[in-house]
Amino acid sequence: MITSLMNFRDLTGEAVIQARQCVINAEIEAAREKVIHARSLFKAGIHNVVNGSSGIKAAAAHFLVIKRLQTDTRYLDAVITDNLCMFSPEGYLYLFMQQRYFR
């Protein structure tokens, strides 16, 4: 059950650091899922690789975004604010679609 959710700008101290790391970890997990999908296309056959090359390009581009998130905290804070991410008071990201916290 959701007790209380907070905006990123309402977090303080260690919760801000935890929130930033949770967002980066969530992006890494999403990129891994893209790589797994691209790998399954590759194993399915050459036609799927040729016609589904956008999935491979998307996975590569996602890793470039992750690298920028890890190095540029202002960009990371802007992404968190623009995406309206919500967090627990401890700084754990709440995933609304899955109705769970990402730790």
PDB file of N, CA and C in Angstrom:
ATOM      1  N   MET A   1       0.837  -1.181   0.000  1.00  0.00           N
ATOM      2  CA  MET A   1       0.000   0.000   0.000  1.00  0.00           C
ATOM      3  C   MET A   1       0.879   1.241   0.000  1.00  0.00           C
ATOM      4  N   ILE A   2       0.479   2.229  -0.762  1.00  0.00           N
ATOM      5  CA  ILE A   2       1.226   3.475  -0.849  1.00  0.00           C
ATOM      6  C   ILE A   2       0.892   4.320   0.379  1.00  0.00           C
ATOM      7  N   THR A   3       1.909   4.618   1.176  1.00  0.00           N
ATOM      8  CA  THR A   3       1.666   5.455   2.348  1.00  0.00           C
ATOM      9  C   THR A   3       1.785   6.930   1.987  1.00  0.00           C
ATOM     10  N   SER A   4       2.907   7.318   1.393  1.00  0.00           N
ATOM     11  CA  SER A   4       3.066   8.705   0.957  1.00  0.00           C
ATOM     12  C   SER A   4       4.109   8.756  -0.148  1.00  0.00           C
ATOM     13  N   LEU A   5       3.814   9.517  -1.169  1.00  0.00           N
ATOM     14  CA  LEU A   5       4.747   9.711  -2.273  1.00  0.00           C
ATOM     15  C   LEU A   5       5.152  11.174  -2.312  1.00  0.00           C
ATOM     16  N   MET A   6       6.396  11.399  -2.715  1.00  0.00           N
ATOM     17  CA  MET A   6       6.933  12.754  -2.724  1.00  0.00           C
ATOM     18  C   MET A   6       7.522  13.072  -4.090  1.00  0.00           C
ATOM     19  N   ASN A   7       7.476  14.352  -4.453  1.00  0.00           N
ATOM     20  CA  ASN A   7       8.171  14.818  -5.644  1.00  0.00           C
ATOM     21  C   ASN A   7       9.665  14.852  -5.363  1.00  0.00           C
ATOM     22  N   PHE A   8      10.443  14.895  -6.425  1.00  0.00           N
ATOM     23  CA  PHE A   8      11.897  14.935  -6.278  1.00  0.00           C
ATOM     24  C   PHE A   8      12.346  16.183  -5.533  1.00  0.00           C
ATOM     25  N   ARG A   9      11.723  17.312  -5.820  1.00  0.00           N
ATOM     26  CA  ARG A   9      12.152  18.564  -5.184  1.00  0.00           C
ATOM     27  C   ARG A   9      11.816  18.610  -3.691  1.00  0.00           C
ATOM     28  N   ASP A  10      10.933  17.712  -3.222  1.00  0.00           N
ATOM     29  CA  ASP A  10      10.575  17.681  -1.806  1.00  0.00           C
ATOM     30  C   ASP A  10      11.493  16.783  -0.983  1.00  0.00           C
ATOM     31  N   LEU A  11      12.343  15.997  -1.653  1.00  0.00           N
ATOM     32  CA  LEU A  11      13.254  15.100  -0.939  1.00  0.00           C
ATOM     33  C   LEU A  11      14.431  15.883  -0.376  1.00  0.00           C
ATOM     34  N   THR A  12      15.037  15.338   0.671  1.00  0.00           N
ATOM     35  CA  THR A  12      16.183  16.002   1.287  1.00  0.00           C
ATOM     36  C   THR A  12      17.305  15.007   1.554  1.00  0.00           C
ATOM     37  N   GLY A  13      18.525  15.512   1.592  1.00  0.00           N
ATOM     38  CA  GLY A  13      19.695  14.754   2.017  1.00  0.00           C
ATOM     39  C   GLY A  13      19.943  13.462   1.264  1.00  0.00           C
ATOM     40  N   GLU A  14      20.029  12.378   2.027  1.00  0.00           N
ATOM     41  CA  GLU A  14      20.318  11.058   1.475  1.00  0.00           C
ATOM     42  C   GLU A  14      19.226  10.576   0.535  1.00  0.00           C
ATOM     43  N   ALA A  15      18.009  11.031   0.730  1.00  0.00           N
ATOM     44  CA  ALA A  15      16.902  10.602  -0.129  1.00  0.00           C
ATOM     45  C   ALA A  15      17.096  11.091  -1.561  1.00  0.00           C
ATOM     46  N   VAL A  16      17.696  12.259  -1.738  1.00  0.00           N
ATOM     47  CA  VAL A  16      17.962  12.781  -3.083  1.00  0.00           C
ATOM     48  C   VAL A  16      18.978  11.893  -3.793  1.00  0.00           C
ATOM     49  N   ILE A  17      20.024  11.517  -3.084  1.00  0.00           N
ATOM     50  CA  ILE A  17      21.050  10.642  -3.655  1.00  0.00           C
ATOM     51  C   ILE A  17      20.448   9.287  -4.010  1.00  0.00           C
ATOM     52  N   GLN A  18      19.634   8.748  -3.108  1.00  0.00           N
ATOM     53  CA  GLN A  18      18.973   7.465  -3.354  1.00  0.00           C
ATOM     54  C   GLN A  18      18.025   7.564  -4.547  1.00  0.00           C
ATOM     55  N   ALA A  19      17.301   8.663  -4.660  1.00  0.00           N
ATOM     56  CA  ALA A  19      16.355   8.850  -5.764  1.00  0.00           C
ATOM     57  C   ALA A  19      17.087   8.893  -7.098  1.00  0.00           C
ATOM     58  N   ARG A  20      18.185   9.625  -7.146  1.00  0.00           N
ATOM     59  CA  ARG A  20      18.966   9.689  -8.386  1.00  0.00           C
ATOM     60  C   ARG A  20      19.461   8.302  -8.787  1.00  0.00           C
ATOM     61  N   GLN A  21      19.964   7.553  -7.821  1.00  0.00           N
ATOM     62  CA  GLN A  21      20.488   6.225  -8.122  1.00  0.00           C
ATOM     63  C   GLN A  21      19.377   5.271  -8.554  1.00  0.00           C
ATOM     64  N   CYS A  22      18.210   5.384  -7.960  1.00  0.00           N
ATOM     65  CA  CYS A  22      17.080   4.532  -8.349  1.00  0.00           C
ATOM     66  C   CYS A  22      16.653   4.802  -9.788  1.00  0.00           C
ATOM     67  N   VAL A  23      16.650   6.060 -10.187  1.00  0.00           N
ATOM     68  CA  VAL A  23      16.272   6.396 -11.566  1.00  0.00           C
ATOM     69  C   VAL A  23      17.300   5.838 -12.542  1.00  0.00           C
ATOM     70  N   ILE A  24      18.575   5.979 -12.220  1.00  0.00           N
ATOM     71  CA  ILE A  24      19.621   5.431 -13.089  1.00  0.00           C
ATOM     72  C   ILE A  24      19.497   3.915 -13.169  1.00  0.00           C
ATOM     73  N   ASN A  25      19.262   3.258 -12.037  1.00  0.00           N
ATOM     74  CA  ASN A  25      19.104   1.801 -12.035  1.00  0.00           C
ATOM     75  C   ASN A  25      17.893   1.363 -12.845  1.00  0.00           C
ATOM     76  N   ALA A  26      16.811   2.119 -12.774  1.00  0.00           N
ATOM     77  CA  ALA A  26      15.619   1.788 -13.562  1.00  0.00           C
ATOM     78  C   ALA A  26      15.911   1.921 -15.054  1.00  0.00           C
ATOM     79  N   GLU A  27      16.672   2.936 -15.440  1.00  0.00           N
ATOM     80  CA  GLU A  27      17.043   3.106 -16.847  1.00  0.00           C
ATOM     81  C   GLU A  27      17.964   1.985 -17.314  1.00  0.00           C
ATOM     82  N   ILE A  28      18.880   1.562 -16.458  1.00  0.00           N
ATOM     83  CA  ILE A  28      19.765   0.448 -16.805  1.00  0.00           C
ATOM     84  C   ILE A  28      18.955  -0.824 -17.010  1.00  0.00           C
ATOM     85  N   GLU A  29      17.989  -1.063 -16.150  1.00  0.00           N
ATOM     86  CA  GLU A  29      17.132  -2.247 -16.286  1.00  0.00           C
ATOM     87  C   GLU A  29      16.332  -2.195 -17.588  1.00  0.00           C
ATOM     88  N   ALA A  30      15.824  -1.030 -17.943  1.00  0.00           N
ATOM     89  CA  ALA A  30      15.080  -0.887 -19.204  1.00  0.00           C
ATOM     90  C   ALA A  30      15.997  -1.126 -20.403  1.00  0.00           C
ATOM     91  N   ALA A  31      17.234  -0.654 -20.330  1.00  0.00           N
ATOM     92  CA  ALA A  31      18.186  -0.873 -21.424  1.00  0.00           C
ATOM     93  C   ALA A  31      18.529  -2.349 -21.554  1.00  0.00           C
ATOM     94  N   ARG A  32      18.660  -3.035 -20.435  1.00  0.00           N
ATOM     95  CA  ARG A  32      18.922  -4.481 -20.483  1.00  0.00           C
ATOM     96  C   ARG A  32      17.779  -5.227 -21.158  1.00  0.00           C
ATOM     97  N   GLU A  33      16.557  -4.817 -20.872  1.00  0.00           N
ATOM     98  CA  GLU A  33      15.411  -5.446 -21.525  1.00  0.00           C
ATOM     99  C   GLU A  33      15.436  -5.203 -23.031  1.00  0.00           C
ATOM    100  N   LYS A  34      15.865  -4.012 -23.454  1.00  0.00           N
ATOM    101  CA  LYS A  34      15.985  -3.732 -24.887  1.00  0.00           C
ATOM    102  C   LYS A  34      17.048  -4.613 -25.529  1.00  0.00           C
ATOM    103  N   VAL A  35      18.159  -4.835 -24.829  1.00  0.00           N
ATOM    104  CA  VAL A  35      19.220  -5.692 -25.353  1.00  0.00           C
ATOM    105  C   VAL A  35      18.728  -7.131 -25.466  1.00  0.00           C
ATOM    106  N   ILE A  36      18.001  -7.600 -24.473  1.00  0.00           N
ATOM    107  CA  ILE A  36      17.455  -8.962 -24.520  1.00  0.00           C
ATOM    108  C   ILE A  36      16.510  -9.106 -25.704  1.00  0.00           C
ATOM    109  N   HIS A  37      15.684  -8.096 -25.938  1.00  0.00           N
ATOM    110  CA  HIS A  37      14.768  -8.137 -27.084  1.00  0.00           C
ATOM    111  C   HIS A  37      15.547  -8.135 -28.402  1.00  0.00           C
ATOM    112  N   ALA A  38      16.576  -7.302 -28.493  1.00  0.00           N
ATOM    113  CA  ALA A  38      17.389  -7.251 -29.713  1.00  0.00           C
ATOM    114  C   ALA A  38      18.108  -8.576 -29.936  1.00  0.00           C
ATOM    115  N   ARG A  39      18.568  -9.196 -28.869  1.00  0.00           N
ATOM    116  CA  ARG A  39      19.239 -10.495 -28.978  1.00  0.00           C
ATOM    117  C   ARG A  39      18.269 -11.566 -29.466  1.00  0.00           C
ATOM    118  N   SER A  40      17.040 -11.516 -28.989  1.00  0.00           N
ATOM    119  CA  SER A  40      16.056 -12.503 -29.455  1.00  0.00           C
ATOM    120  C   SER A  40      15.746 -12.304 -30.938  1.00  0.00           C
ATOM    121  N   LEU A  41      15.742 -11.054 -31.410  1.00  0.00           N
ATOM    122  CA  LEU A  41      15.572 -10.801 -32.843  1.00  0.00           C
ATOM    123  C   LEU A  41      16.728 -11.390 -33.637  1.00  0.00           C
ATOM    124  N   PHE A  42      17.931 -11.225 -33.110  1.00  0.00           N
ATOM    125  CA  PHE A  42      19.111 -11.740 -33.793  1.00  0.00           C
ATOM    126  C   PHE A  42      19.055 -13.258 -33.902  1.00  0.00           C
ATOM    127  N   LYS A  43      18.618 -13.915 -32.838  1.00  0.00           N
ATOM    128  CA  LYS A  43      18.538 -15.377 -32.845  1.00  0.00           C
ATOM    129  C   LYS A  43      17.394 -15.887 -33.712  1.00  0.00           C
ATOM    130  N   ALA A  44      16.389 -15.058 -33.939  1.00  0.00           N
ATOM    131  CA  ALA A  44      15.231 -15.492 -34.721  1.00  0.00           C
ATOM    132  C   ALA A  44      15.548 -15.607 -36.206  1.00  0.00           C
ATOM    133  N   GLY A  45      16.538 -14.889 -36.683  1.00  0.00           N
ATOM    134  CA  GLY A  45      16.897 -14.996 -38.091  1.00  0.00           C
ATOM    135  C   GLY A  45      17.382 -13.684 -38.657  1.00  0.00           C
ATOM    136  N   ILE A  46      18.051 -13.781 -39.793  1.00  0.00           N
ATOM    137  CA  ILE A  46      18.644 -12.599 -40.415  1.00  0.00           C
ATOM    138  C   ILE A  46      17.589 -11.597 -40.866  1.00  0.00           C
ATOM    139  N   HIS A  47      16.433 -12.073 -41.283  1.00  0.00           N
ATOM    140  CA  HIS A  47      15.388 -11.159 -41.744  1.00  0.00           C
ATOM    141  C   HIS A  47      14.887 -10.279 -40.597  1.00  0.00           C
ATOM    142  N   ASN A  48      14.785 -10.868 -39.420  1.00  0.00           N
ATOM    143  CA  ASN A  48      14.364 -10.083 -38.256  1.00  0.00           C
ATOM    144  C   ASN A  48      15.424  -9.060 -37.859  1.00  0.00           C
ATOM    145  N   VAL A  49      16.679  -9.407 -38.038  1.00  0.00           N
ATOM    146  CA  VAL A  49      17.751  -8.469 -37.708  1.00  0.00           C
ATOM    147  C   VAL A  49      17.714  -7.279 -38.663  1.00  0.00           C
ATOM    148  N   VAL A  50      17.571  -7.563 -39.955  1.00  0.00           N
ATOM    149  CA  VAL A  50      17.559  -6.491 -40.951  1.00  0.00           C
ATOM    150  C   VAL A  50      16.333  -5.606 -40.778  1.00  0.00           C
ATOM    151  N   ASN A  51      15.181  -6.207 -40.612  1.00  0.00           N
ATOM    152  CA  ASN A  51      13.945  -5.434 -40.510  1.00  0.00           C
ATOM    153  C   ASN A  51      13.715  -4.864 -39.115  1.00  0.00           C
ATOM    154  N   GLY A  52      14.391  -5.401 -38.121  1.00  0.00           N
ATOM    155  CA  GLY A  52      14.214  -4.927 -36.753  1.00  0.00           C
ATOM    156  C   GLY A  52      15.433  -4.221 -36.218  1.00  0.00           C
ATOM    157  N   SER A  53      16.223  -3.610 -37.101  1.00  0.00           N
ATOM    158  CA  SER A  53      17.464  -2.970 -36.660  1.00  0.00           C
ATOM    159  C   SER A  53      17.208  -1.754 -35.777  1.00  0.00           C
ATOM    160  N   SER A  54      16.003  -1.216 -35.827  1.00  0.00           N
ATOM    161  CA  SER A  54      15.715  -0.057 -34.975  1.00  0.00           C
ATOM    162  C   SER A  54      15.774  -0.428 -33.499  1.00  0.00           C
ATOM    163  N   GLY A  55      15.464  -1.671 -33.151  1.00  0.00           N
ATOM    164  CA  GLY A  55      15.560  -2.114 -31.761  1.00  0.00           C
ATOM    165  C   GLY A  55      16.990  -2.121 -31.268  1.00  0.00           C
ATOM    166  N   ILE A  56      17.907  -2.521 -32.138  1.00  0.00           N
ATOM    167  CA  ILE A  56      19.324  -2.530 -31.778  1.00  0.00           C
ATOM    168  C   ILE A  56      19.826  -1.096 -31.626  1.00  0.00           C
ATOM    169  N   LYS A  57      19.421  -0.229 -32.541  1.00  0.00           N
ATOM    170  CA  LYS A  57      19.829   1.176 -32.465  1.00  0.00           C
ATOM    171  C   LYS A  57      19.247   1.845 -31.222  1.00  0.00           C
ATOM    172  N   ALA A  58      18.022   1.490 -30.875  1.00  0.00           N
ATOM    173  CA  ALA A  58      17.389   2.068 -29.687  1.00  0.00           C
ATOM    174  C   ALA A  58      18.123   1.644 -28.421  1.00  0.00           C
ATOM    175  N   ALA A  59      18.557   0.387 -28.367  1.00  0.00           N
ATOM    176  CA  ALA A  59      19.300  -0.086 -27.200  1.00  0.00           C
ATOM    177  C   ALA A  59      20.629   0.653 -27.078  1.00  0.00           C
ATOM    178  N   ALA A  60      21.322   0.845 -28.193  1.00  0.00           N
ATOM    179  CA  ALA A  60      22.598   1.562 -28.167  1.00  0.00           C
ATOM    180  C   ALA A  60      22.396   3.019 -27.747  1.00  0.00           C
ATOM    181  N   ALA A  61      21.355   3.646 -28.258  1.00  0.00           N
ATOM    182  CA  ALA A  61      21.069   5.034 -27.890  1.00  0.00           C
ATOM    183  C   ALA A  61      20.703   5.150 -26.414  1.00  0.00           C
ATOM    184  N   HIS A  62      20.021   4.142 -25.890  1.00  0.00           N
ATOM    185  CA  HIS A  62      19.625   4.154 -24.482  1.00  0.00           C
ATOM    186  C   HIS A  62      20.866   4.148 -23.584  1.00  0.00           C
ATOM    187  N   PHE A  63      21.889   3.397 -23.963  1.00  0.00           N
ATOM    188  CA  PHE A  63      23.110   3.375 -23.167  1.00  0.00           C
ATOM    189  C   PHE A  63      23.831   4.721 -23.194  1.00  0.00           C
ATOM    190  N   LEU A  64      23.728   5.454 -24.303  1.00  0.00           N
ATOM    191  CA  LEU A  64      24.304   6.799 -24.347  1.00  0.00           C
ATOM    192  C   LEU A  64      23.563   7.742 -23.400  1.00  0.00           C
ATOM    193  N   VAL A  65      22.253   7.596 -23.332  1.00  0.00           N
ATOM    194  CA  VAL A  65      21.459   8.406 -22.404  1.00  0.00           C
ATOM    195  C   VAL A  65      21.837   8.072 -20.965  1.00  0.00           C
ATOM    196  N   ILE A  66      22.018   6.793 -20.671  1.00  0.00           N
ATOM    197  CA  ILE A  66      22.393   6.378 -19.315  1.00  0.00           C
ATOM    198  C   ILE A  66      23.746   6.973 -18.935  1.00  0.00           C
ATOM    199  N   LYS A  67      24.680   6.961 -19.867  1.00  0.00           N
ATOM    200  CA  LYS A  67      25.999   7.541 -19.580  1.00  0.00           C
ATOM    201  C   LYS A  67      25.871   9.022 -19.237  1.00  0.00           C
ATOM    202  N   ARG A  68      25.024   9.730 -19.961  1.00  0.00           N
ATOM    203  CA  ARG A  68      24.826  11.152 -19.659  1.00  0.00           C
ATOM    204  C   ARG A  68      24.139  11.324 -18.303  1.00  0.00           C
ATOM    205  N   LEU A  69      23.174  10.467 -17.990  1.00  0.00           N
ATOM    206  CA  LEU A  69      22.508  10.547 -16.688  1.00  0.00           C
ATOM    207  C   LEU A  69      23.499  10.335 -15.549  1.00  0.00           C
ATOM    208  N   GLN A  70      24.467   9.445 -15.757  1.00  0.00           N
ATOM    209  CA  GLN A  70      25.442   9.147 -14.718  1.00  0.00           C
ATOM    210  C   GLN A  70      26.459  10.263 -14.530  1.00  0.00           C
ATOM    211  N   THR A  71      26.699  11.059 -15.570  1.00  0.00           N
ATOM    212  CA  THR A  71      27.754  12.073 -15.475  1.00  0.00           C
ATOM    213  C   THR A  71      27.238  13.490 -15.254  1.00  0.00           C
ATOM    214  N   ASP A  72      26.010  13.766 -15.633  1.00  0.00           N
ATOM    215  CA  ASP A  72      25.477  15.132 -15.575  1.00  0.00           C
ATOM    216  C   ASP A  72      24.283  15.173 -14.614  1.00  0.00           C
ATOM    217  N   THR A  73      24.525  15.626 -13.379  1.00  0.00           N
ATOM    218  CA  THR A  73      23.447  15.614 -12.386  1.00  0.00           C
ATOM    219  C   THR A  73      22.356  16.635 -12.700  1.00  0.00           C
ATOM    220  N   ARG A  74      22.716  17.744 -13.335  1.00  0.00           N
ATOM    221  CA  ARG A  74      21.671  18.713 -13.707  1.00  0.00           C
ATOM    222  C   ARG A  74      20.716  18.115 -14.735  1.00  0.00           C
ATOM    223  N   TYR A  75      21.269  17.393 -15.692  1.00  0.00           N
ATOM    224  CA  TYR A  75      20.437  16.724 -16.697  1.00  0.00           C
ATOM    225  C   TYR A  75      19.574  15.651 -16.030  1.00  0.00           C
ATOM    226  N   LEU A  76      20.170  14.891 -15.115  1.00  0.00           N
ATOM    227  CA  LEU A  76      19.426  13.855 -14.394  1.00  0.00           C
ATOM    228  C   LEU A  76      18.277  14.467 -13.601  1.00  0.00           C
ATOM    229  N   ASP A  77      18.545  15.558 -12.898  1.00  0.00           N
ATOM    230  CA  ASP A  77      17.490  16.223 -12.130  1.00  0.00           C
ATOM    231  C   ASP A  77      16.385  16.748 -13.042  1.00  0.00           C
ATOM    232  N   ALA A  78      16.762  17.259 -14.212  1.00  0.00           N
ATOM    233  CA  ALA A  78      15.759  17.749 -15.167  1.00  0.00           C
ATOM    234  C   ALA A  78      14.907  16.607 -15.704  1.00  0.00           C
ATOM    235  N   VAL A  79      15.529  15.466 -15.976  1.00  0.00           N
ATOM    236  CA  VAL A  79      14.780  14.295 -16.454  1.00  0.00           C
ATOM    237  C   VAL A  79      13.800  13.824 -15.391  1.00  0.00           C
ATOM    238  N   ILE A  80      14.251  13.755 -14.153  1.00  0.00           N
ATOM    239  CA  ILE A  80      13.381  13.316 -13.058  1.00  0.00           C
ATOM    240  C   ILE A  80      12.202  14.270 -12.901  1.00  0.00           C
ATOM    241  N   THR A  81      12.468  15.566 -12.939  1.00  0.00           N
ATOM    242  CA  THR A  81      11.411  16.563 -12.779  1.00  0.00           C
ATOM    243  C   THR A  81      10.436  16.540 -13.952  1.00  0.00           C
ATOM    244  N   ASP A  82      10.958  16.458 -15.173  1.00  0.00           N
ATOM    245  CA  ASP A  82      10.094  16.455 -16.363  1.00  0.00           C
ATOM    246  C   ASP A  82       9.225  15.212 -16.453  1.00  0.00           C
ATOM    247  N   ASN A  83       9.728  14.086 -15.970  1.00  0.00           N
ATOM    248  CA  ASN A  83       8.964  12.839 -16.028  1.00  0.00           C
ATOM    249  C   ASN A  83       8.016  12.665 -14.843  1.00  0.00           C
ATOM    250  N   LEU A  84       7.996  13.654 -13.953  1.00  0.00           N
ATOM    251  CA  LEU A  84       7.104  13.636 -12.784  1.00  0.00           C
ATOM    252  C   LEU A  84       7.265  12.362 -11.964  1.00  0.00           C
ATOM    253  N   CYS A  85       8.512  11.959 -11.748  1.00  0.00           N
ATOM    254  CA  CYS A  85       8.789  10.765 -10.950  1.00  0.00           C
ATOM    255  C   CYS A  85       8.381  11.009  -9.500  1.00  0.00           C
ATOM    256  N   MET A  86       7.838   9.980  -8.885  1.00  0.00           N
ATOM    257  CA  MET A  86       7.429  10.051  -7.483  1.00  0.00           C
ATOM    258  C   MET A  86       8.265   9.057  -6.684  1.00  0.00           C
ATOM    259  N   PHE A  87       8.551   9.423  -5.437  1.00  0.00           N
ATOM    260  CA  PHE A  87       9.450   8.644  -4.605  1.00  0.00           C
ATOM    261  C   PHE A  87       8.863   8.450  -3.216  1.00  0.00           C
ATOM    262  N   SER A  88       9.368   7.415  -2.540  1.00  0.00           N
ATOM    263  CA  SER A  88       9.044   7.249  -1.129  1.00  0.00           C
ATOM    264  C   SER A  88       9.862   8.276  -0.350  1.00  0.00           C
ATOM    265  N   PRO A  89       9.540   8.516   0.905  1.00  0.00           N
ATOM    266  CA  PRO A  89      10.346   9.470   1.688  1.00  0.00           C
ATOM    267  C   PRO A  89      11.820   9.068   1.799  1.00  0.00           C
ATOM    268  N   GLU A  90      12.111   7.764   1.612  1.00  0.00           N
ATOM    269  CA  GLU A  90      13.499   7.290   1.654  1.00  0.00           C
ATOM    270  C   GLU A  90      14.213   7.483   0.324  1.00  0.00           C
ATOM    271  N   GLY A  91      13.467   7.807  -0.743  1.00  0.00           N
ATOM    272  CA  GLY A  91      14.074   8.048  -2.042  1.00  0.00           C
ATOM    273  C   GLY A  91      13.927   6.922  -3.038  1.00  0.00           C
ATOM    274  N   TYR A  92      13.069   5.950  -2.753  1.00  0.00           N
ATOM    275  CA  TYR A  92      12.862   4.843  -3.687  1.00  0.00           C
ATOM    276  C   TYR A  92      11.836   5.233  -4.748  1.00  0.00           C
ATOM    277  N   LEU A  93      12.163   4.965  -6.000  1.00  0.00           N
ATOM    278  CA  LEU A  93      11.304   5.300  -7.133  1.00  0.00           C
ATOM    279  C   LEU A  93      10.061   4.420  -7.125  1.00  0.00           C
ATOM    280  N   TYR A  94       8.896   5.033  -7.317  1.00  0.00           N
ATOM    281  CA  TYR A  94       7.645   4.274  -7.381  1.00  0.00           C
ATOM    282  C   TYR A  94       7.248   4.095  -8.836  1.00  0.00           C
ATOM    283  N   LEU A  95       7.053   2.849  -9.240  1.00  0.00           N
ATOM    284  CA  LEU A  95       6.631   2.525 -10.601  1.00  0.00           C
ATOM    285  C   LEU A  95       5.124   2.329 -10.597  1.00  0.00           C
ATOM    286  N   PHE A  96       4.395   3.273 -11.161  1.00  0.00           N
ATOM    287  CA  PHE A  96       2.938   3.237 -11.120  1.00  0.00           C
ATOM    288  C   PHE A  96       2.362   2.079 -11.914  1.00  0.00           C
ATOM    289  N   MET A  97       2.952   1.768 -13.072  1.00  0.00           N
ATOM    290  CA  MET A  97       2.418   0.691 -13.909  1.00  0.00           C
ATOM    291  C   MET A  97       2.533  -0.666 -13.219  1.00  0.00           C
ATOM    292  N   GLN A  98       3.574  -0.844 -12.416  1.00  0.00           N
ATOM    293  CA  GLN A  98       3.778  -2.112 -11.721  1.00  0.00           C
ATOM    294  C   GLN A  98       3.315  -2.053 -10.274  1.00  0.00           C
ATOM    295  N   GLN A  99       2.947  -0.894  -9.819  1.00  0.00           N
ATOM    296  CA  GLN A  99       2.493  -0.649  -8.451  1.00  0.00           C
ATOM    297  C   GLN A  99       3.462  -1.222  -7.422  1.00  0.00           C
ATOM    298  N   ARG A 100       4.732  -0.828  -7.596  1.00  0.00           N
ATOM    299  CA  ARG A 100       5.768  -1.261  -6.656  1.00  0.00           C
ATOM    300  C   ARG A 100       6.898  -0.238  -6.651  1.00  0.00           C
ATOM    301  N   TYR A 101       7.736  -0.328  -5.635  1.00  0.00           N
ATOM    302  CA  TYR A 101       8.908   0.537  -5.544  1.00  0.00           C
ATOM    303  C   TYR A 101      10.084  -0.123  -6.258  1.00  0.00           C
ATOM    304  N   PHE A 102      10.898   0.679  -6.921  1.00  0.00           N
ATOM    305  CA  PHE A 102      12.116   0.189  -7.559  1.00  0.00           C
ATOM    306  C   PHE A 102      13.264   0.542  -6.638  1.00  0.00           C
ATOM    307  N   ARG A 103      13.981  -0.457  -6.174  1.00  0.00           N
ATOM    308  CA  ARG A 103      15.069  -0.225  -5.216  1.00  0.00           C
ATOM    309  C   ARG A 103      16.399  -0.451  -5.843  1.00  0.00           C
TER     310      ARG A 103
END
